[in-house]
Protein backbone atom coordinates (compact mmCIF):
# COMPACT_ATOMS: atom_id res chain seq x y z
CA MET A 1 -53.70 -44.95 -2.78
CA THR A 2 -57.03 -44.83 -4.53
CA ASN A 3 -59.15 -41.56 -4.60
CA ASP A 4 -61.57 -42.87 -2.06
CA ALA A 5 -58.73 -43.73 0.41
CA PHE A 6 -57.11 -40.42 -0.02
CA LEU A 7 -60.40 -38.57 0.57
CA SER A 8 -60.86 -40.67 3.63
CA LEU A 9 -57.21 -39.62 4.65
CA LEU A 10 -58.08 -35.92 4.19
CA HIS A 11 -61.27 -36.18 6.25
CA ARG A 12 -59.28 -37.97 8.95
CA ARG A 13 -56.73 -35.24 9.12
CA LEU A 14 -58.60 -32.20 8.56
CA PRO A 15 -61.87 -30.57 10.06
CA ALA A 16 -65.12 -31.51 8.32
CA GLN A 17 -65.69 -28.03 7.23
CA CYS A 18 -62.37 -27.77 5.45
CA VAL A 19 -62.97 -30.56 2.89
CA LEU A 20 -65.67 -30.60 0.26
CA SER A 21 -66.02 -33.79 -1.88
CA HIS A 22 -69.69 -34.11 -2.90
CA PRO A 23 -70.32 -33.11 -6.57
CA GLU A 24 -72.68 -30.38 -5.70
CA ASP A 25 -70.24 -28.94 -3.37
CA LEU A 26 -67.52 -29.00 -5.86
CA ARG A 27 -69.57 -27.29 -8.83
CA PRO A 28 -68.85 -23.75 -7.69
CA TYR A 29 -65.06 -24.33 -7.97
CA GLU A 30 -65.22 -25.85 -11.49
CA CYS A 31 -63.70 -23.03 -13.23
CA ASP A 32 -62.30 -19.43 -12.80
CA ALA A 33 -63.49 -16.40 -14.63
CA LEU A 34 -62.63 -18.12 -17.97
CA SER A 35 -65.80 -20.19 -17.60
CA ALA A 36 -65.47 -21.76 -21.27
CA TYR A 37 -63.32 -24.56 -19.44
CA ARG A 38 -64.77 -26.42 -16.62
CA ASN A 39 -63.69 -29.52 -14.69
CA LEU A 40 -64.39 -30.91 -11.20
CA PRO A 41 -61.49 -31.74 -8.92
CA LEU A 42 -61.22 -34.88 -6.60
CA ALA A 43 -61.97 -32.39 -3.45
CA VAL A 44 -61.64 -28.83 -2.54
CA VAL A 45 -59.80 -28.06 0.55
CA ILE A 46 -60.44 -24.83 2.33
CA PRO A 47 -57.90 -24.60 5.25
CA GLU A 48 -58.57 -22.14 8.04
CA THR A 49 -54.85 -22.29 9.46
CA LEU A 50 -51.30 -22.36 8.21
CA GLU A 51 -50.88 -25.81 9.69
CA GLN A 52 -53.95 -27.29 7.97
CA THR A 53 -52.45 -25.94 4.72
CA ARG A 54 -49.22 -27.65 5.39
CA THR A 55 -50.91 -30.69 6.04
CA THR A 56 -52.75 -30.72 2.98
CA LEU A 57 -49.59 -30.17 0.80
CA ALA A 58 -47.65 -32.86 2.72
CA LEU A 59 -50.44 -35.22 2.22
CA CYS A 60 -50.69 -34.53 -1.58
CA ALA A 61 -46.90 -34.77 -2.06
CA ALA A 62 -46.59 -38.05 -0.15
CA ASN A 63 -49.39 -39.61 -2.35
CA HIS A 64 -48.65 -37.91 -5.72
CA ILE A 65 -51.83 -35.86 -5.86
CA PRO A 66 -51.65 -32.64 -7.87
CA VAL A 67 -52.67 -29.45 -6.34
CA VAL A 68 -54.20 -26.28 -7.82
CA ALA A 69 -54.21 -23.17 -5.57
CA ARG A 70 -57.13 -20.86 -5.91
CA GLY A 71 -57.81 -17.37 -4.75
CA ALA A 72 -61.11 -15.55 -5.45
CA GLY A 73 -61.47 -17.23 -8.81
CA THR A 74 -61.55 -13.87 -10.82
CA GLY A 75 -58.63 -15.04 -13.17
CA LEU A 76 -59.17 -14.99 -16.79
CA SER A 77 -56.77 -17.40 -18.26
CA GLY A 78 -57.85 -20.69 -16.65
CA GLY A 79 -54.99 -20.68 -14.19
CA ALA A 80 -57.12 -21.85 -11.35
CA LEU A 81 -58.98 -24.59 -13.35
CA PRO A 82 -59.11 -27.74 -11.29
CA LEU A 83 -57.68 -31.06 -12.30
CA SER A 84 -59.52 -34.39 -12.19
CA GLY A 85 -58.15 -36.59 -9.42
CA GLY A 86 -56.52 -33.38 -7.94
CA ILE A 87 -57.02 -31.16 -5.03
CA LEU A 88 -58.32 -27.47 -5.46
CA LEU A 89 -56.64 -25.69 -2.47
CA SER A 90 -58.73 -22.48 -1.68
CA LEU A 91 -57.03 -19.76 0.24
CA ALA A 92 -60.43 -17.91 0.77
CA ARG A 93 -60.33 -18.00 4.53
CA PHE A 94 -56.99 -16.31 4.81
CA THR A 95 -58.44 -12.90 4.97
CA ARG A 96 -56.60 -11.11 7.65
CA ILE A 97 -54.69 -7.87 7.31
CA LEU A 98 -51.73 -8.74 9.76
CA GLY A 99 -50.27 -5.22 10.19
CA ILE A 100 -49.72 -1.87 8.57
CA ASP A 101 -46.24 -0.27 8.96
CA THR A 102 -46.73 3.49 8.42
CA ALA A 103 -42.96 4.02 8.97
CA ASN A 104 -41.85 1.70 6.18
CA ARG A 105 -45.14 2.16 4.36
CA THR A 106 -45.88 -1.59 4.03
CA ALA A 107 -48.82 -3.78 4.78
CA ARG A 108 -48.59 -7.46 5.81
CA VAL A 109 -51.55 -9.33 4.66
CA GLN A 110 -52.83 -12.79 3.96
CA PRO A 111 -53.53 -13.98 0.39
CA GLY A 112 -57.26 -13.96 0.61
CA VAL A 113 -57.46 -10.20 1.41
CA THR A 114 -59.09 -8.38 -1.44
CA ASN A 115 -56.98 -5.87 -3.54
CA LEU A 116 -59.36 -2.93 -2.55
CA ALA A 117 -59.42 -4.00 1.20
CA ILE A 118 -55.76 -3.10 1.43
CA SER A 119 -56.34 0.39 0.19
CA ARG A 120 -59.25 0.84 2.51
CA ALA A 121 -57.32 -0.45 5.45
CA ALA A 122 -54.55 1.88 4.66
CA GLU A 123 -56.61 5.01 3.89
CA PRO A 124 -56.90 6.27 7.58
CA TYR A 125 -53.03 6.48 7.44
CA GLY A 126 -52.98 8.56 4.28
CA LEU A 127 -51.82 5.50 2.29
CA TYR A 128 -53.14 3.26 -0.60
CA TYR A 129 -52.00 0.11 -2.63
CA ALA A 130 -51.41 1.23 -6.12
CA PRO A 131 -52.19 -1.70 -8.45
CA ASP A 132 -55.93 -1.71 -9.23
CA PRO A 133 -57.34 -4.30 -11.54
CA SER A 134 -60.75 -3.79 -12.72
CA SER A 135 -61.93 -6.67 -10.53
CA GLN A 136 -60.20 -5.21 -7.39
CA ILE A 137 -63.51 -5.16 -5.28
CA ALA A 138 -63.29 -9.06 -5.52
CA CYS A 139 -59.68 -10.19 -6.71
CA SER A 140 -57.48 -11.42 -3.85
CA ILE A 141 -53.94 -10.18 -3.37
CA GLY A 142 -52.69 -13.72 -3.48
CA GLY A 143 -54.00 -14.25 -6.98
CA ASN A 144 -52.77 -10.81 -7.89
CA VAL A 145 -49.14 -12.03 -7.14
CA ALA A 146 -49.68 -15.44 -8.86
CA GLU A 147 -50.68 -13.72 -12.12
CA ASN A 148 -48.72 -10.46 -11.71
CA ALA A 149 -51.87 -8.46 -11.87
CA GLY A 150 -51.97 -4.94 -13.19
CA GLY A 151 -54.55 -2.17 -13.39
CA VAL A 152 -55.25 1.23 -14.87
CA HIS A 153 -52.62 2.84 -12.70
CA CYS A 154 -49.74 0.56 -13.38
CA LEU A 155 -48.43 2.81 -15.94
CA LYS A 156 -46.94 5.16 -13.34
CA TYR A 157 -46.74 2.83 -10.53
CA GLY A 158 -46.05 -0.50 -11.90
CA LEU A 159 -47.42 -4.18 -11.85
CA THR A 160 -47.74 -6.18 -8.74
CA VAL A 161 -44.20 -7.24 -8.86
CA HIS A 162 -43.07 -3.61 -8.43
CA ASN A 163 -45.22 -3.25 -5.41
CA ILE A 164 -44.37 -6.04 -3.06
CA GLN A 165 -41.42 -6.71 -0.79
CA GLN A 166 -41.74 -10.18 0.60
CA LEU A 167 -43.70 -13.49 0.24
CA GLU A 168 -44.17 -16.23 2.68
CA ILE A 169 -44.89 -19.47 0.55
CA LEU A 170 -45.16 -23.18 1.31
CA MET A 171 -43.42 -25.73 -1.00
CA ILE A 172 -45.36 -28.74 -2.34
CA ASP A 173 -44.09 -30.72 0.71
CA GLY A 174 -45.44 -28.04 3.16
CA GLU A 175 -42.17 -26.57 4.06
CA PRO A 176 -42.26 -22.78 4.58
CA LEU A 177 -39.98 -20.57 2.54
CA THR A 178 -39.44 -16.70 2.74
CA ILE A 179 -38.85 -14.85 -0.50
CA GLY A 180 -37.67 -11.29 -0.57
CA SER A 181 -37.19 -9.02 2.51
CA GLN A 182 -38.84 -6.59 4.64
CA ALA A 183 -36.03 -4.30 3.49
CA LEU A 184 -36.18 -2.55 0.04
CA ASP A 185 -33.66 -4.99 -1.43
CA SER A 186 -32.59 -8.63 -0.52
CA PRO A 187 -29.50 -10.60 -1.08
CA GLY A 188 -29.19 -13.39 -3.68
CA PHE A 189 -31.08 -14.04 -6.69
CA ASP A 190 -34.26 -12.13 -7.38
CA LEU A 191 -36.60 -15.02 -6.42
CA LEU A 192 -39.40 -12.49 -5.66
CA ALA A 193 -39.79 -11.58 -9.25
CA LEU A 194 -39.69 -15.29 -10.20
CA LEU A 195 -42.46 -16.07 -7.83
CA THR A 196 -44.65 -13.15 -8.97
CA GLY A 197 -46.47 -14.17 -12.16
CA SER A 198 -45.51 -18.01 -11.49
CA GLU A 199 -49.18 -18.92 -11.52
CA GLY A 200 -49.16 -21.25 -8.49
CA MET A 201 -46.64 -23.55 -10.21
CA LEU A 202 -43.67 -23.05 -7.73
CA GLY A 203 -45.29 -22.68 -4.45
CA VAL A 204 -48.50 -21.68 -2.35
CA ILE A 205 -48.60 -18.07 -1.13
CA THR A 206 -49.50 -17.57 2.37
CA GLU A 207 -48.59 -14.02 3.41
CA ILE A 208 -47.56 -10.99 1.40
CA THR A 209 -45.81 -7.69 2.34
CA VAL A 210 -47.01 -5.04 0.06
CA LYS A 211 -45.76 -1.49 -0.50
CA LEU A 212 -47.95 1.38 0.22
CA LEU A 213 -47.94 4.93 -1.28
CA PRO A 214 -49.05 8.15 0.06
CA ILE A 215 -52.50 9.15 -1.35
CA PRO A 216 -51.79 12.01 -3.85
CA GLU A 217 -53.09 15.43 -2.98
CA SER A 218 -54.79 15.74 -6.20
CA ALA A 219 -55.91 13.44 -8.91
CA ARG A 220 -57.87 14.45 -12.15
CA VAL A 221 -58.83 12.87 -15.43
CA VAL A 222 -58.86 14.34 -18.87
CA LEU A 223 -61.21 12.65 -21.38
CA ALA A 224 -60.37 13.00 -24.88
CA ALA A 225 -62.28 12.01 -27.87
CA PHE A 226 -60.98 11.10 -31.37
CA ALA A 227 -62.35 10.68 -34.83
CA SER A 228 -60.18 7.60 -35.52
CA VAL A 229 -58.49 4.75 -33.35
CA GLU A 230 -55.27 5.77 -35.27
CA ALA A 231 -55.44 9.34 -33.94
CA ALA A 232 -55.96 8.09 -30.47
CA GLY A 233 -52.88 5.92 -30.82
CA ALA A 234 -50.87 8.68 -31.92
CA ALA A 235 -51.94 10.78 -29.04
CA VAL A 236 -50.83 7.90 -26.74
CA THR A 237 -47.35 7.91 -28.41
CA ALA A 238 -47.16 11.82 -28.16
CA THR A 239 -48.22 11.77 -24.52
CA MET A 240 -45.37 9.39 -23.52
CA ALA A 241 -42.93 11.46 -25.68
CA SER A 242 -43.70 14.56 -23.95
CA GLY A 243 -42.21 13.31 -20.70
CA ILE A 244 -45.34 13.31 -18.74
CA ILE A 245 -46.13 9.86 -17.09
CA PRO A 246 -49.91 9.81 -16.37
CA ALA A 247 -51.18 7.84 -13.40
CA GLY A 248 -53.30 6.04 -16.15
CA LEU A 249 -53.78 6.19 -19.80
CA GLU A 250 -56.69 4.02 -21.14
CA LEU A 251 -58.32 3.63 -24.51
CA LEU A 252 -61.85 2.60 -25.49
CA ASP A 253 -62.96 2.04 -29.07
CA LEU A 254 -66.45 2.91 -30.40
CA PRO A 255 -68.23 -0.43 -29.76
CA ALA A 256 -66.80 -0.48 -26.16
CA ILE A 257 -67.84 3.26 -25.60
CA ARG A 258 -71.53 2.54 -26.69
CA ALA A 259 -71.76 -0.60 -24.46
CA VAL A 260 -70.47 1.15 -21.53
CA GLU A 261 -72.76 4.22 -21.99
CA LYS A 262 -75.92 2.03 -22.09
CA PHE A 263 -74.67 0.13 -19.00
CA VAL A 264 -73.52 2.79 -16.56
CA HIS A 265 -74.35 6.26 -18.28
CA THR A 266 -70.86 7.85 -17.68
CA GLY A 267 -71.33 10.64 -20.34
CA TYR A 268 -68.68 9.26 -22.93
CA PRO A 269 -69.09 10.86 -26.24
CA GLU A 270 -70.91 8.14 -28.38
CA ASP A 271 -69.85 9.66 -31.66
CA ALA A 272 -66.22 9.29 -31.19
CA ALA A 273 -64.20 6.44 -32.64
CA ALA A 274 -62.16 6.26 -29.75
CA ILE A 275 -61.55 8.01 -26.30
CA LEU A 276 -58.58 8.09 -24.09
CA LEU A 277 -58.73 8.58 -20.27
CA CYS A 278 -55.65 10.15 -18.91
CA GLU A 279 -55.30 10.53 -15.13
CA LEU A 280 -52.74 12.86 -13.70
CA ASP A 281 -51.96 12.84 -9.85
CA GLY A 282 -49.60 14.72 -7.47
CA SER A 283 -49.79 18.06 -5.93
CA ARG A 284 -52.48 20.48 -7.07
CA ALA A 285 -50.07 22.80 -8.53
CA ASP A 286 -48.35 20.02 -10.62
CA VAL A 287 -51.59 18.36 -11.86
CA THR A 288 -52.90 21.75 -12.95
CA ALA A 289 -49.79 22.38 -15.01
CA GLN A 290 -49.74 18.78 -16.35
CA ILE A 291 -53.35 19.14 -17.53
CA GLU A 292 -52.66 22.14 -19.58
CA ARG A 293 -49.82 20.27 -21.25
CA ILE A 294 -51.87 17.17 -21.83
CA GLU A 295 -54.83 19.09 -23.31
CA ALA A 296 -52.28 20.80 -25.80
CA VAL A 297 -50.77 17.33 -26.69
CA PHE A 298 -54.34 15.71 -27.39
CA SER A 299 -55.40 18.78 -29.24
CA ASN A 300 -52.26 18.65 -31.69
CA ALA A 301 -52.95 15.03 -32.09
CA GLY A 302 -56.42 15.82 -33.34
CA ALA A 303 -58.83 15.44 -30.28
CA THR A 304 -62.39 16.48 -31.18
CA ASP A 305 -63.57 17.08 -27.75
CA LEU A 306 -61.76 17.28 -24.18
CA GLN A 307 -63.30 17.02 -20.79
CA VAL A 308 -61.55 17.44 -17.50
CA SER A 309 -62.67 16.25 -14.12
CA HIS A 310 -62.97 19.05 -11.51
CA THR A 311 -64.33 17.06 -8.52
CA GLU A 312 -63.63 13.61 -7.03
CA ALA A 313 -67.19 12.61 -8.01
CA GLU A 314 -66.35 13.41 -11.67
CA ARG A 315 -63.12 11.60 -11.53
CA GLN A 316 -64.88 8.46 -10.37
CA ARG A 317 -67.57 8.85 -13.01
CA PHE A 318 -65.03 8.91 -15.78
CA TRP A 319 -63.39 5.74 -14.47
CA ALA A 320 -66.68 4.08 -13.72
CA GLY A 321 -67.29 3.41 -17.31
CA ARG A 322 -63.71 1.94 -17.86
CA LYS A 323 -64.02 -0.26 -14.84
CA ALA A 324 -67.33 -1.44 -15.96
CA ALA A 325 -66.39 -2.18 -19.62
CA PHE A 326 -66.07 -5.89 -19.32
CA PRO A 327 -69.54 -6.61 -17.62
CA ALA A 328 -70.98 -4.22 -20.18
CA MET A 329 -70.15 -6.62 -23.01
CA GLY A 330 -73.09 -8.56 -21.65
CA ARG A 331 -75.46 -6.29 -23.34
CA LEU A 332 -73.84 -7.03 -26.81
CA SER A 333 -73.46 -10.66 -26.77
CA PRO A 334 -74.33 -13.77 -24.69
CA ASP A 335 -70.51 -14.50 -24.26
CA TYR A 336 -67.36 -12.70 -24.68
CA TYR A 337 -63.61 -13.90 -24.67
CA CYS A 338 -61.27 -11.39 -23.03
CA MET A 339 -57.74 -11.39 -24.57
CA ASP A 340 -54.59 -10.04 -22.97
CA GLY A 341 -51.59 -9.18 -25.03
CA THR A 342 -48.85 -6.41 -24.76
CA ILE A 343 -47.21 -4.63 -27.59
CA PRO A 344 -44.75 -1.87 -28.05
CA ARG A 345 -46.76 1.53 -27.99
CA SER A 346 -45.64 2.55 -31.46
CA TYR A 347 -47.56 -0.39 -33.10
CA LEU A 348 -50.89 0.49 -31.41
CA ALA A 349 -52.59 1.79 -34.47
CA GLU A 350 -51.17 -0.86 -36.63
CA VAL A 351 -52.08 -3.72 -34.45
CA LEU A 352 -55.56 -2.30 -33.99
CA GLU A 353 -56.06 -2.19 -37.81
CA LYS A 354 -55.04 -5.81 -38.18
CA ILE A 355 -57.34 -6.96 -35.12
CA ALA A 356 -60.16 -5.21 -37.19
CA ALA A 357 -59.19 -7.16 -40.17
CA LEU A 358 -59.12 -10.38 -38.19
CA SER A 359 -62.43 -9.74 -36.82
CA ARG A 360 -63.88 -9.24 -40.31
CA GLU A 361 -62.07 -12.58 -41.48
CA TYR A 362 -63.61 -14.64 -38.60
CA ASP A 363 -67.01 -12.68 -38.70
CA LEU A 364 -66.68 -12.04 -34.98
CA PRO A 365 -67.18 -8.64 -33.37
CA VAL A 366 -64.24 -7.24 -31.37
CA CYS A 367 -64.37 -4.60 -28.74
CA ASN A 368 -60.98 -2.93 -27.64
CA VAL A 369 -60.43 -1.77 -24.07
CA PHE A 370 -56.95 -1.48 -22.90
CA HIS A 371 -54.10 0.08 -20.99
CA ALA A 372 -53.02 2.24 -23.83
CA GLY A 373 -49.83 3.77 -21.92
CA ASP A 374 -48.02 0.57 -21.47
CA GLY A 375 -49.49 -1.17 -24.60
CA ASN A 376 -51.34 -3.81 -22.82
CA LEU A 377 -54.35 -4.74 -25.10
CA HIS A 378 -57.57 -6.39 -23.86
CA PRO A 379 -59.62 -7.18 -27.12
CA LEU A 380 -63.02 -8.48 -26.23
CA ILE A 381 -64.24 -11.03 -28.77
CA LEU A 382 -68.03 -11.35 -28.84
CA TYR A 383 -69.74 -14.67 -29.56
CA ASP A 384 -72.39 -17.20 -28.76
CA ALA A 385 -71.22 -20.44 -27.30
CA ASN A 386 -74.82 -21.80 -28.16
CA ARG A 387 -73.84 -21.81 -31.79
CA PRO A 388 -72.01 -25.04 -32.96
CA GLY A 389 -68.15 -24.30 -33.51
CA GLU A 390 -68.28 -20.59 -32.57
CA LEU A 391 -66.37 -21.05 -29.32
CA GLU A 392 -63.61 -22.98 -31.40
CA ARG A 393 -63.55 -20.21 -33.92
CA THR A 394 -63.27 -17.48 -31.07
CA GLU A 395 -60.42 -19.29 -29.57
CA GLU A 396 -58.59 -19.51 -32.97
CA LEU A 397 -59.18 -15.70 -33.41
CA GLY A 398 -57.87 -15.14 -30.05
CA GLY A 399 -54.77 -17.14 -30.80
CA ARG A 400 -54.06 -15.04 -34.05
CA ILE A 401 -54.36 -11.83 -32.06
CA LEU A 402 -51.78 -13.10 -29.60
CA GLU A 403 -49.41 -14.21 -32.37
CA LEU A 404 -49.89 -10.76 -33.84
CA CYS A 405 -48.69 -9.29 -30.55
CA VAL A 406 -45.47 -11.52 -30.69
CA ALA A 407 -44.87 -10.63 -34.28
CA VAL A 408 -44.41 -7.01 -33.57
CA GLY A 409 -42.15 -7.60 -30.45
CA GLY A 410 -44.85 -7.88 -27.74
CA THR A 411 -45.88 -10.71 -25.66
CA ILE A 412 -48.91 -12.99 -25.22
CA THR A 413 -49.80 -11.72 -21.78
CA GLY A 414 -49.54 -8.42 -19.75
CA GLU A 415 -51.42 -9.23 -16.57
CA HIS A 416 -53.78 -12.24 -16.86
CA GLY A 417 -51.35 -14.93 -17.01
CA VAL A 418 -51.14 -17.82 -19.43
CA GLY A 419 -52.87 -20.39 -17.52
CA LEU A 420 -54.56 -22.85 -19.83
CA GLU A 421 -55.89 -20.47 -22.25
CA LYS A 422 -52.50 -19.25 -23.89
CA ILE A 423 -50.48 -22.45 -23.56
CA ASN A 424 -50.27 -22.97 -27.30
CA GLN A 425 -49.12 -19.41 -27.88
CA MET A 426 -46.26 -19.99 -25.52
CA CYS A 427 -44.84 -22.16 -28.38
CA VAL A 428 -44.83 -19.09 -30.50
CA GLN A 429 -43.40 -16.78 -27.92
CA PHE A 430 -40.46 -19.00 -26.81
CA ASN A 431 -38.11 -21.48 -28.49
CA SER A 432 -37.45 -25.14 -27.32
CA ALA A 433 -34.33 -24.24 -25.26
CA GLU A 434 -36.13 -21.47 -23.30
CA LEU A 435 -39.07 -23.67 -22.61
CA SER A 436 -36.78 -26.41 -21.50
CA GLN A 437 -35.15 -24.02 -18.97
CA PHE A 438 -38.68 -22.92 -17.73
CA HIS A 439 -39.25 -26.64 -16.93
CA ALA A 440 -36.01 -26.92 -15.16
CA VAL A 441 -36.84 -23.89 -12.92
CA LYS A 442 -40.22 -25.61 -12.00
CA ALA A 443 -38.43 -28.89 -11.37
CA ALA A 444 -36.17 -27.13 -8.92
CA PHE A 445 -39.30 -26.02 -6.78
CA ASP A 446 -41.55 -28.88 -7.57
CA PRO A 447 -39.66 -31.91 -8.47
CA GLN A 448 -42.72 -34.09 -8.79
CA GLY A 449 -44.57 -31.55 -10.88
CA LEU A 450 -47.66 -31.57 -8.56
CA LEU A 451 -48.27 -27.84 -8.39
CA ASN A 452 -50.72 -26.74 -11.00
CA PRO A 453 -49.38 -29.13 -13.64
CA GLY A 454 -50.29 -28.64 -17.26
CA LYS A 455 -50.58 -24.92 -17.07
CA ALA A 456 -48.50 -21.96 -18.42
CA ILE A 457 -45.47 -23.92 -19.69
CA PRO A 458 -46.18 -26.26 -22.71
CA THR A 459 -44.22 -29.50 -23.14
CA LEU A 460 -42.01 -29.49 -26.40
CA HIS A 461 -44.26 -32.45 -27.52
CA ARG A 462 -47.30 -30.18 -27.29
CA CYS A 463 -45.44 -27.32 -29.28
CA ALA A 464 -44.52 -30.03 -31.92
CA GLU A 465 -48.24 -30.99 -32.21
CA PHE A 466 -49.38 -27.38 -32.38
CA GLY A 467 -46.74 -26.89 -35.13
CA ALA A 468 -45.58 -23.50 -33.69
CA MET A 469 -41.98 -23.57 -32.80
CA HIS A 470 -41.53 -20.45 -34.91
CA VAL A 471 -37.81 -19.99 -34.76
CA HIS A 472 -35.91 -18.93 -37.89
CA ASP A 473 -32.06 -19.07 -37.82
CA GLY A 474 -32.34 -19.05 -34.06
CA ARG A 475 -34.25 -15.71 -33.98
CA LEU A 476 -37.72 -14.61 -33.47
CA PRO A 477 -39.40 -12.03 -35.62
CA HIS A 478 -38.30 -8.52 -34.86
CA PRO A 479 -35.18 -9.51 -32.84
CA GLU A 480 -34.15 -5.92 -32.47
CA LEU A 481 -37.29 -5.23 -30.16
CA GLU A 482 -37.28 -5.76 -26.46
CA ARG A 483 -39.36 -8.69 -25.34
CA PHE A 484 -41.16 -7.38 -22.07
């Protein structure tokens, strides 16, 4: 079937308002938040009902048309980049909170519900949803599941995968499937974990049951300033060794601190080489006791200044700077490239030192903002896409940073996903047998390879071209370290 014939078929089978095919209507969907990569799909389908979604998938399967599912488009890895000749399937109209079960502390929601909307709906019941990406005001829960999103509070409460119980998905032919259970555990293989972070390659998510937690009685933040990034890294290690598990433990280096201060005026000390934001939550008595212990840990690690929030307004002010760190970079550079890698915490100082060396080598500034407690780095490479070759140099630097993460026993992504951005570095992270097994899993769900093809899992041919099947005697570097 020709593209024009397939478009005619879509228009016949779906309401007019559900199908966009004119170039000017497609342009808003040409990329996700990784705007360096852009492409126009054959059409955008925005179904209003589950049945319309099933119809769309069945038509695509019958006519061998690839499908890219899209949520709010806030992803940073190109996972929702559309394909020429393919359908971009937007779940933006699935925005209902279907029910809140206070007895079991769960909520059933559609995939287009924003992350923050879940907590707001649960708040009257004294509950909230723990994962909180910086984009939580806009990002949708379906996309959070597809990318296994994190956030500043995931150190204590886990990633998306730890905070959901059940998924309703549609297979490529439109057939429904229930993954997980309304109970705390479900029989059989743990397909819920497999689907979480699968980047739209295995199925289309149509409903999510999330876990809710009681709102803590007290939550306060300790802000600690340090004269060096190494001292801040040592403080992170000392904090986790103390036995205290903070709700969140974030690090910003000097360039990030100054950018944030000029943007939102949070009161961060601009003479510090790095700051840590450590949130503690629980009962008032427990939080008070933990703050005393954390202040002692930070002081022993060389903190030059300590501030503690005493009101909710102060706590929100401390976090406002961290939440605004990415947009604040717009004051420093026309463009920035946000990386996402994870390392063992003990390597924080070493990796940051090597990132600084790479920054000098490529003559590109790098600001560091990251989830220090769980080793999830977000180096922000500043560049100007209008300068010939600078984007390519930036991408090369980003690849080197990701490969550095792998070399110390980490991984190329913590929460943003692989998408198109990191697909070459997958060749560094995994060997050929592992990649072949990933393709076999995808084929079990999507035999025709129509769901988000070309993303996340590279072909062995691509890895050979990239020259990055880095396997020595069957072992990756640092085989003694956990791959998480």
